[in-house]
N, C-alpha and C. Protein backbone atom coordinates (compact mmCIF):
# COMPACT_ATOMS: atom_id res chain seq x y z
N MET A 1 0.84 -1.16 0.00
CA MET A 1 0.00 0.00 0.00
C MET A 1 0.89 1.23 0.00
N PRO A 2 0.84 2.02 -1.07
CA PRO A 2 1.72 3.19 -1.18
C PRO A 2 1.41 4.24 -0.11
N GLY A 3 2.48 4.79 0.44
CA GLY A 3 2.33 5.87 1.39
C GLY A 3 1.96 5.46 2.80
N VAL A 4 1.82 4.17 3.06
CA VAL A 4 1.48 3.70 4.41
C VAL A 4 2.67 2.94 4.97
N THR A 5 3.04 3.27 6.19
CA THR A 5 4.10 2.54 6.87
C THR A 5 3.53 1.94 8.15
N VAL A 6 4.04 0.79 8.49
CA VAL A 6 3.67 0.13 9.74
C VAL A 6 4.96 -0.15 10.49
N ARG A 7 4.95 0.19 11.75
CA ARG A 7 6.14 -0.06 12.57
C ARG A 7 5.72 -0.42 13.98
N LEU A 8 6.63 -1.08 14.67
CA LEU A 8 6.43 -1.41 16.07
C LEU A 8 6.57 -0.13 16.88
N ALA A 9 5.61 0.12 17.74
CA ALA A 9 5.64 1.33 18.56
C ALA A 9 6.78 1.25 19.56
N GLU A 10 7.23 2.43 19.93
CA GLU A 10 8.28 2.55 20.94
C GLU A 10 7.68 3.21 22.18
N ARG A 11 8.43 3.21 23.22
CA ARG A 11 7.96 3.80 24.48
C ARG A 11 7.51 5.25 24.30
N GLY A 12 8.19 6.00 23.47
CA GLY A 12 7.85 7.40 23.24
C GLY A 12 6.57 7.61 22.45
N ASP A 13 5.93 6.54 22.00
CA ASP A 13 4.69 6.64 21.21
C ASP A 13 3.43 6.62 22.07
N GLU A 14 3.58 6.71 23.37
CA GLU A 14 2.42 6.63 24.26
C GLU A 14 1.33 7.62 23.88
N ALA A 15 1.68 8.86 23.61
CA ALA A 15 0.66 9.88 23.28
C ALA A 15 -0.04 9.56 21.96
N VAL A 16 0.69 9.00 21.01
CA VAL A 16 0.09 8.62 19.72
C VAL A 16 -0.93 7.51 19.93
N ILE A 17 -0.56 6.51 20.71
CA ILE A 17 -1.46 5.39 20.99
C ILE A 17 -2.69 5.88 21.75
N ALA A 18 -2.48 6.73 22.74
CA ALA A 18 -3.61 7.30 23.50
C ALA A 18 -4.51 8.11 22.59
N GLY A 19 -3.93 8.86 21.66
CA GLY A 19 -4.73 9.65 20.73
C GLY A 19 -5.59 8.78 19.83
N LEU A 20 -5.04 7.68 19.34
CA LEU A 20 -5.82 6.77 18.52
C LEU A 20 -6.93 6.12 19.33
N ARG A 21 -6.64 5.77 20.56
CA ARG A 21 -7.67 5.16 21.42
C ARG A 21 -8.81 6.15 21.68
N HIS A 22 -8.47 7.40 21.91
CA HIS A 22 -9.48 8.43 22.15
C HIS A 22 -10.33 8.64 20.90
N ARG A 23 -9.66 8.70 19.75
CA ARG A 23 -10.36 8.88 18.47
C ARG A 23 -11.33 7.73 18.23
N TRP A 24 -10.89 6.51 18.50
CA TRP A 24 -11.71 5.31 18.33
C TRP A 24 -12.94 5.39 19.23
N ALA A 25 -12.74 5.76 20.49
CA ALA A 25 -13.87 5.87 21.43
C ALA A 25 -14.87 6.91 20.95
N GLU A 26 -14.39 8.02 20.42
CA GLU A 26 -15.29 9.06 19.91
C GLU A 26 -16.07 8.57 18.69
N GLU A 27 -15.41 7.80 17.82
CA GLU A 27 -16.13 7.23 16.67
C GLU A 27 -17.24 6.30 17.15
N GLN A 28 -16.94 5.48 18.14
CA GLN A 28 -17.95 4.56 18.65
C GLN A 28 -19.09 5.30 19.34
N ALA A 29 -18.78 6.40 20.01
CA ALA A 29 -19.80 7.18 20.71
C ALA A 29 -20.59 8.06 19.75
N GLY A 30 -20.00 8.36 18.60
CA GLY A 30 -20.66 9.23 17.65
C GLY A 30 -20.65 10.70 18.06
N ALA A 31 -19.76 11.03 18.99
CA ALA A 31 -19.68 12.41 19.47
C ALA A 31 -18.34 12.61 20.18
N PRO A 32 -17.90 13.85 20.28
CA PRO A 32 -16.67 14.12 21.03
C PRO A 32 -16.82 13.68 22.49
N ILE A 33 -15.73 13.23 23.06
CA ILE A 33 -15.71 12.82 24.46
C ILE A 33 -14.72 13.71 25.20
N GLU A 34 -15.22 14.44 26.15
CA GLU A 34 -14.36 15.27 27.00
C GLU A 34 -14.09 14.49 28.27
N ASP A 35 -12.85 14.13 28.48
CA ASP A 35 -12.47 13.39 29.68
C ASP A 35 -11.11 13.90 30.12
N GLY A 36 -11.11 14.84 31.00
CA GLY A 36 -9.87 15.44 31.47
C GLY A 36 -8.94 14.47 32.17
N GLY A 37 -9.46 13.35 32.64
CA GLY A 37 -8.63 12.38 33.33
C GLY A 37 -8.10 11.26 32.46
N PHE A 38 -8.49 11.25 31.17
CA PHE A 38 -8.09 10.14 30.30
C PHE A 38 -6.58 10.02 30.17
N ALA A 39 -5.89 11.13 29.97
CA ALA A 39 -4.44 11.07 29.77
C ALA A 39 -3.74 10.43 30.98
N GLU A 40 -4.18 10.79 32.16
CA GLU A 40 -3.58 10.24 33.37
C GLU A 40 -3.89 8.74 33.52
N VAL A 41 -5.12 8.37 33.27
CA VAL A 41 -5.52 6.96 33.36
C VAL A 41 -4.79 6.14 32.30
N PHE A 42 -4.70 6.68 31.08
CA PHE A 42 -4.00 5.97 30.01
C PHE A 42 -2.53 5.80 30.37
N HIS A 43 -1.91 6.86 30.88
CA HIS A 43 -0.50 6.80 31.25
C HIS A 43 -0.26 5.71 32.30
N ALA A 44 -1.12 5.64 33.32
CA ALA A 44 -0.97 4.61 34.35
C ALA A 44 -1.11 3.22 33.75
N TRP A 45 -2.07 3.04 32.84
CA TRP A 45 -2.25 1.75 32.16
C TRP A 45 -1.01 1.42 31.34
N PHE A 46 -0.52 2.40 30.57
CA PHE A 46 0.64 2.19 29.71
C PHE A 46 1.86 1.79 30.54
N GLU A 47 2.05 2.44 31.66
CA GLU A 47 3.19 2.11 32.53
C GLU A 47 3.11 0.68 33.03
N ARG A 48 1.91 0.24 33.38
CA ARG A 48 1.72 -1.14 33.86
C ARG A 48 1.88 -2.16 32.74
N GLU A 49 1.43 -1.83 31.56
CA GLU A 49 1.28 -2.81 30.49
C GLU A 49 2.39 -2.85 29.44
N HIS A 50 3.16 -1.80 29.29
CA HIS A 50 4.05 -1.71 28.13
C HIS A 50 5.08 -2.83 28.04
N GLU A 51 5.46 -3.40 29.16
CA GLU A 51 6.47 -4.47 29.14
C GLU A 51 5.94 -5.77 28.54
N GLN A 52 4.62 -5.95 28.60
CA GLN A 52 4.06 -7.22 28.13
C GLN A 52 3.19 -7.06 26.89
N ARG A 53 3.20 -5.89 26.30
CA ARG A 53 2.41 -5.64 25.09
C ARG A 53 3.30 -5.12 23.98
N LEU A 54 2.92 -5.51 22.77
CA LEU A 54 3.53 -4.95 21.57
C LEU A 54 2.43 -4.22 20.82
N THR A 55 2.72 -3.04 20.32
CA THR A 55 1.75 -2.28 19.55
C THR A 55 2.37 -1.90 18.22
N TRP A 56 1.62 -2.12 17.16
CA TRP A 56 2.04 -1.69 15.83
C TRP A 56 1.23 -0.46 15.46
N LEU A 57 1.89 0.51 14.83
CA LEU A 57 1.25 1.74 14.40
C LEU A 57 1.32 1.84 12.89
N ALA A 58 0.24 2.31 12.29
CA ALA A 58 0.20 2.58 10.85
C ALA A 58 0.16 4.09 10.66
N HIS A 59 1.00 4.58 9.76
CA HIS A 59 1.05 6.00 9.44
C HIS A 59 0.79 6.19 7.95
N ALA A 60 0.03 7.21 7.63
CA ALA A 60 -0.22 7.60 6.24
C ALA A 60 -0.13 9.12 6.17
N GLY A 61 0.66 9.61 5.24
CA GLY A 61 0.80 11.06 5.11
C GLY A 61 1.30 11.72 6.38
N GLY A 62 2.14 11.04 7.13
CA GLY A 62 2.69 11.61 8.35
C GLY A 62 1.76 11.56 9.55
N GLU A 63 0.59 10.95 9.39
CA GLU A 63 -0.40 10.89 10.47
C GLU A 63 -0.60 9.45 10.92
N ALA A 64 -0.72 9.23 12.22
CA ALA A 64 -1.04 7.90 12.74
C ALA A 64 -2.50 7.62 12.42
N VAL A 65 -2.75 6.53 11.68
CA VAL A 65 -4.12 6.23 11.24
C VAL A 65 -4.60 4.85 11.69
N GLY A 66 -3.76 4.11 12.38
CA GLY A 66 -4.19 2.79 12.83
C GLY A 66 -3.24 2.19 13.84
N MET A 67 -3.76 1.21 14.55
CA MET A 67 -2.94 0.50 15.54
C MET A 67 -3.51 -0.90 15.76
N LEU A 68 -2.68 -1.72 16.32
CA LEU A 68 -3.07 -3.06 16.75
C LEU A 68 -2.11 -3.42 17.87
N ASN A 69 -2.62 -4.00 18.94
CA ASN A 69 -1.67 -4.42 19.97
C ASN A 69 -1.87 -5.88 20.32
N MET A 70 -0.84 -6.42 20.93
CA MET A 70 -0.85 -7.82 21.31
C MET A 70 -0.28 -7.96 22.72
N LEU A 71 -1.06 -8.56 23.58
CA LEU A 71 -0.59 -8.92 24.91
C LEU A 71 0.19 -10.22 24.76
N VAL A 72 1.41 -10.23 25.25
CA VAL A 72 2.25 -11.42 25.14
C VAL A 72 2.15 -12.20 26.45
N PHE A 73 1.70 -13.42 26.34
CA PHE A 73 1.56 -14.31 27.48
C PHE A 73 2.72 -15.29 27.44
N THR A 74 3.52 -15.31 28.50
CA THR A 74 4.65 -16.24 28.58
C THR A 74 4.26 -17.41 29.46
N ARG A 75 4.35 -18.59 28.88
CA ARG A 75 3.98 -19.80 29.61
C ARG A 75 4.99 -20.11 30.71
N MET A 76 4.50 -20.76 31.75
CA MET A 76 5.40 -21.27 32.78
C MET A 76 6.24 -22.37 32.13
N PRO A 77 7.56 -22.31 32.27
CA PRO A 77 8.38 -23.34 31.64
C PRO A 77 8.18 -24.70 32.30
N LYS A 78 8.46 -25.72 31.52
CA LYS A 78 8.43 -27.07 32.09
C LYS A 78 9.68 -27.79 31.62
N PRO A 79 10.07 -28.82 32.34
CA PRO A 79 11.28 -29.55 31.96
C PRO A 79 11.18 -30.03 30.51
N ASP A 80 12.29 -29.98 29.83
CA ASP A 80 12.43 -30.50 28.48
C ASP A 80 11.94 -29.55 27.38
N ASP A 81 11.51 -28.34 27.73
CA ASP A 81 11.06 -27.39 26.70
C ASP A 81 12.16 -27.09 25.68
N ALA A 82 13.38 -26.89 26.17
CA ALA A 82 14.47 -26.54 25.25
C ALA A 82 14.73 -27.66 24.25
N ARG A 83 14.71 -28.89 24.71
CA ARG A 83 14.99 -30.02 23.81
C ARG A 83 13.86 -30.21 22.81
N THR A 84 12.62 -30.10 23.27
CA THR A 84 11.49 -30.36 22.38
C THR A 84 11.12 -29.16 21.51
N GLY A 85 11.62 -27.99 21.89
CA GLY A 85 11.29 -26.80 21.11
C GLY A 85 9.88 -26.28 21.35
N ARG A 86 9.29 -26.65 22.48
CA ARG A 86 7.93 -26.20 22.81
C ARG A 86 7.89 -24.68 22.86
N PRO A 87 6.98 -24.08 22.11
CA PRO A 87 6.87 -22.62 22.15
C PRO A 87 6.52 -22.14 23.55
N GLY A 88 7.16 -21.05 23.96
CA GLY A 88 6.97 -20.56 25.31
C GLY A 88 6.02 -19.38 25.42
N ARG A 89 5.50 -18.89 24.29
CA ARG A 89 4.63 -17.71 24.36
C ARG A 89 3.45 -17.85 23.42
N TRP A 90 2.41 -17.10 23.74
CA TRP A 90 1.30 -16.92 22.81
C TRP A 90 0.83 -15.48 22.93
N GLY A 91 0.04 -15.04 21.98
CA GLY A 91 -0.37 -13.64 21.97
C GLY A 91 -1.88 -13.48 21.92
N TYR A 92 -2.35 -12.45 22.60
CA TYR A 92 -3.76 -12.05 22.54
C TYR A 92 -3.82 -10.75 21.76
N VAL A 93 -4.37 -10.82 20.57
CA VAL A 93 -4.45 -9.66 19.67
C VAL A 93 -5.67 -8.83 20.05
N ALA A 94 -5.48 -7.53 20.18
CA ALA A 94 -6.58 -6.67 20.62
C ALA A 94 -6.39 -5.25 20.09
N ASN A 95 -7.42 -4.46 20.28
CA ASN A 95 -7.37 -3.03 19.96
C ASN A 95 -6.92 -2.75 18.54
N ALA A 96 -7.43 -3.55 17.61
CA ALA A 96 -7.16 -3.29 16.19
C ALA A 96 -8.09 -2.16 15.75
N TYR A 97 -7.50 -1.10 15.24
CA TYR A 97 -8.27 0.09 14.87
C TYR A 97 -7.63 0.76 13.68
N VAL A 98 -8.47 1.11 12.71
CA VAL A 98 -8.06 1.96 11.59
C VAL A 98 -9.04 3.12 11.55
N ALA A 99 -8.52 4.32 11.49
CA ALA A 99 -9.35 5.52 11.54
C ALA A 99 -10.30 5.60 10.36
N ASP A 100 -11.47 6.13 10.63
CA ASP A 100 -12.46 6.37 9.59
C ASP A 100 -11.80 7.19 8.48
N GLY A 101 -12.11 6.86 7.25
CA GLY A 101 -11.49 7.52 6.12
C GLY A 101 -10.27 6.79 5.60
N HIS A 102 -9.78 5.82 6.37
CA HIS A 102 -8.62 5.03 5.96
C HIS A 102 -8.95 3.54 5.92
N ARG A 103 -10.20 3.20 6.20
CA ARG A 103 -10.60 1.79 6.25
C ARG A 103 -10.79 1.22 4.85
N ASP A 104 -10.75 -0.10 4.79
CA ASP A 104 -10.95 -0.84 3.54
C ASP A 104 -9.92 -0.47 2.49
N ALA A 105 -8.73 -0.13 2.95
CA ALA A 105 -7.64 0.21 2.04
C ALA A 105 -6.42 -0.67 2.28
N GLY A 106 -6.58 -1.71 3.11
CA GLY A 106 -5.49 -2.65 3.36
C GLY A 106 -4.63 -2.34 4.58
N ILE A 107 -4.95 -1.27 5.30
CA ILE A 107 -4.14 -0.90 6.46
C ILE A 107 -4.30 -1.93 7.58
N GLY A 108 -5.51 -2.39 7.81
CA GLY A 108 -5.71 -3.43 8.83
C GLY A 108 -4.92 -4.69 8.50
N ALA A 109 -4.88 -5.04 7.22
CA ALA A 109 -4.12 -6.22 6.80
C ALA A 109 -2.63 -6.02 7.03
N LEU A 110 -2.14 -4.81 6.80
CA LEU A 110 -0.72 -4.52 7.06
C LEU A 110 -0.40 -4.63 8.55
N LEU A 111 -1.28 -4.09 9.39
CA LEU A 111 -1.07 -4.18 10.83
C LEU A 111 -1.09 -5.64 11.30
N LEU A 112 -2.10 -6.38 10.87
CA LEU A 112 -2.21 -7.78 11.27
C LEU A 112 -1.05 -8.59 10.71
N GLY A 113 -0.63 -8.29 9.49
CA GLY A 113 0.51 -8.98 8.90
C GLY A 113 1.79 -8.77 9.69
N ALA A 114 1.99 -7.55 10.17
CA ALA A 114 3.18 -7.28 10.99
C ALA A 114 3.12 -8.08 12.29
N CYS A 115 1.95 -8.15 12.87
CA CYS A 115 1.76 -8.90 14.12
C CYS A 115 1.99 -10.40 13.91
N THR A 116 1.37 -10.96 12.88
CA THR A 116 1.50 -12.41 12.65
C THR A 116 2.93 -12.77 12.23
N ALA A 117 3.58 -11.88 11.47
CA ALA A 117 4.98 -12.14 11.09
C ALA A 117 5.86 -12.18 12.34
N HIS A 118 5.62 -11.27 13.26
CA HIS A 118 6.38 -11.28 14.51
C HIS A 118 6.14 -12.59 15.27
N ALA A 119 4.88 -12.97 15.39
CA ALA A 119 4.54 -14.20 16.12
C ALA A 119 5.16 -15.43 15.46
N ASP A 120 5.16 -15.47 14.13
CA ASP A 120 5.78 -16.59 13.42
C ASP A 120 7.29 -16.61 13.63
N ARG A 121 7.90 -15.45 13.50
CA ARG A 121 9.35 -15.33 13.66
C ARG A 121 9.77 -15.75 15.08
N GLU A 122 8.98 -15.36 16.06
CA GLU A 122 9.31 -15.65 17.46
C GLU A 122 8.74 -16.99 17.95
N ARG A 123 8.09 -17.71 17.04
CA ARG A 123 7.56 -19.05 17.32
C ARG A 123 6.53 -19.07 18.44
N TYR A 124 5.57 -18.16 18.39
CA TYR A 124 4.47 -18.17 19.36
C TYR A 124 3.64 -19.43 19.11
N ALA A 125 3.12 -19.99 20.18
CA ALA A 125 2.30 -21.20 20.07
C ALA A 125 0.98 -20.91 19.37
N ARG A 126 0.43 -19.71 19.60
CA ARG A 126 -0.85 -19.35 18.98
C ARG A 126 -1.09 -17.86 19.15
N LEU A 127 -2.00 -17.36 18.36
CA LEU A 127 -2.57 -16.02 18.53
C LEU A 127 -4.06 -16.20 18.72
N VAL A 128 -4.62 -15.51 19.68
CA VAL A 128 -6.06 -15.56 19.91
C VAL A 128 -6.60 -14.13 19.90
N LEU A 129 -7.89 -14.02 19.68
CA LEU A 129 -8.53 -12.71 19.68
C LEU A 129 -10.02 -12.89 19.89
N SER A 130 -10.67 -11.79 20.17
CA SER A 130 -12.11 -11.78 20.36
C SER A 130 -12.68 -10.81 19.33
N PRO A 131 -13.03 -11.30 18.14
CA PRO A 131 -13.41 -10.39 17.06
C PRO A 131 -14.81 -9.83 17.20
N SER A 132 -14.98 -8.65 16.63
CA SER A 132 -16.34 -8.13 16.50
C SER A 132 -17.02 -8.91 15.37
N GLU A 133 -18.32 -8.84 15.33
CA GLU A 133 -19.05 -9.55 14.27
C GLU A 133 -18.57 -9.09 12.89
N ARG A 134 -18.36 -7.79 12.74
CA ARG A 134 -17.92 -7.24 11.45
C ARG A 134 -16.52 -7.73 11.06
N SER A 135 -15.66 -7.99 12.06
CA SER A 135 -14.27 -8.33 11.74
C SER A 135 -14.02 -9.83 11.53
N VAL A 136 -14.99 -10.68 11.81
CA VAL A 136 -14.79 -12.13 11.67
C VAL A 136 -14.30 -12.50 10.26
N PRO A 137 -14.94 -12.03 9.18
CA PRO A 137 -14.44 -12.39 7.85
C PRO A 137 -13.01 -11.90 7.59
N PHE A 138 -12.67 -10.72 8.10
CA PHE A 138 -11.31 -10.19 7.95
C PHE A 138 -10.31 -11.15 8.58
N TYR A 139 -10.53 -11.53 9.82
CA TYR A 139 -9.59 -12.43 10.49
C TYR A 139 -9.56 -13.80 9.83
N ALA A 140 -10.69 -14.28 9.36
CA ALA A 140 -10.72 -15.57 8.66
C ALA A 140 -9.86 -15.53 7.40
N ARG A 141 -9.89 -14.41 6.68
CA ARG A 141 -9.05 -14.27 5.47
C ARG A 141 -7.57 -14.32 5.81
N HIS A 142 -7.24 -14.06 7.05
CA HIS A 142 -5.83 -14.02 7.46
C HIS A 142 -5.44 -15.23 8.31
N GLY A 143 -6.22 -16.31 8.18
CA GLY A 143 -5.83 -17.57 8.79
C GLY A 143 -6.37 -17.87 10.17
N PHE A 144 -7.18 -17.00 10.72
CA PHE A 144 -7.78 -17.27 12.03
C PHE A 144 -9.03 -18.12 11.83
N GLU A 145 -9.30 -18.97 12.80
CA GLU A 145 -10.47 -19.84 12.73
C GLU A 145 -11.10 -19.94 14.11
N PRO A 146 -12.36 -20.32 14.18
CA PRO A 146 -12.99 -20.49 15.49
C PRO A 146 -12.25 -21.55 16.30
N ALA A 147 -12.17 -21.33 17.60
CA ALA A 147 -11.48 -22.27 18.48
C ALA A 147 -12.48 -22.89 19.44
N THR A 148 -12.43 -24.18 19.56
CA THR A 148 -13.31 -24.85 20.51
C THR A 148 -12.54 -25.28 21.75
N SER A 149 -11.25 -24.99 21.78
CA SER A 149 -10.42 -25.45 22.90
C SER A 149 -10.35 -24.45 24.05
N LEU A 150 -11.04 -23.33 23.93
CA LEU A 150 -11.04 -22.33 24.99
C LEU A 150 -12.41 -22.26 25.64
N MET A 151 -12.42 -21.94 26.90
CA MET A 151 -13.68 -21.73 27.60
C MET A 151 -13.64 -20.33 28.19
N VAL A 152 -14.79 -19.75 28.37
CA VAL A 152 -14.88 -18.38 28.87
C VAL A 152 -15.84 -18.33 30.05
N ARG A 153 -15.47 -17.61 31.07
CA ARG A 153 -16.39 -17.29 32.16
C ARG A 153 -16.65 -15.80 32.07
N ARG A 154 -17.86 -15.44 31.77
CA ARG A 154 -18.22 -14.04 31.60
C ARG A 154 -18.48 -13.38 32.96
N ALA A 155 -18.23 -12.09 33.02
CA ALA A 155 -18.47 -11.33 34.25
C ALA A 155 -19.94 -11.40 34.63
N ARG A 156 -20.21 -11.40 35.90
CA ARG A 156 -21.60 -11.48 36.37
C ARG A 156 -22.02 -10.19 36.99
């Protein structure tokens, strides 16, 4: 896709990620959201989470237009992992967002491709996600399939 770059976010990208998250929330709400405490809450979350999450950012025309993040889950090691080559990590893909006006142009595919390439390169055991109804066909086109091996306990 010409003019679009995707890169792994760095620690200094916190404000960019927060800005995309705020923009996404406003799109979902259909109206501007004034929340004077959001920056502080986001910063606290980012400080807690940045060590175990990877975020990819998409830029077009010098503007951040999309993101996707992955929580990295590291399995408890067990004897013989090194010999057998058992993968030690898996990823939970979340917060995939492409800004309105940039959708259906392949940016989501670029973000997901960067994430899956990383997971393949690092030999993750699996990637899981909780897709929206609209995104199910997108993820299916990129090799994701329904899983029957997981169970969920929903909040009460």
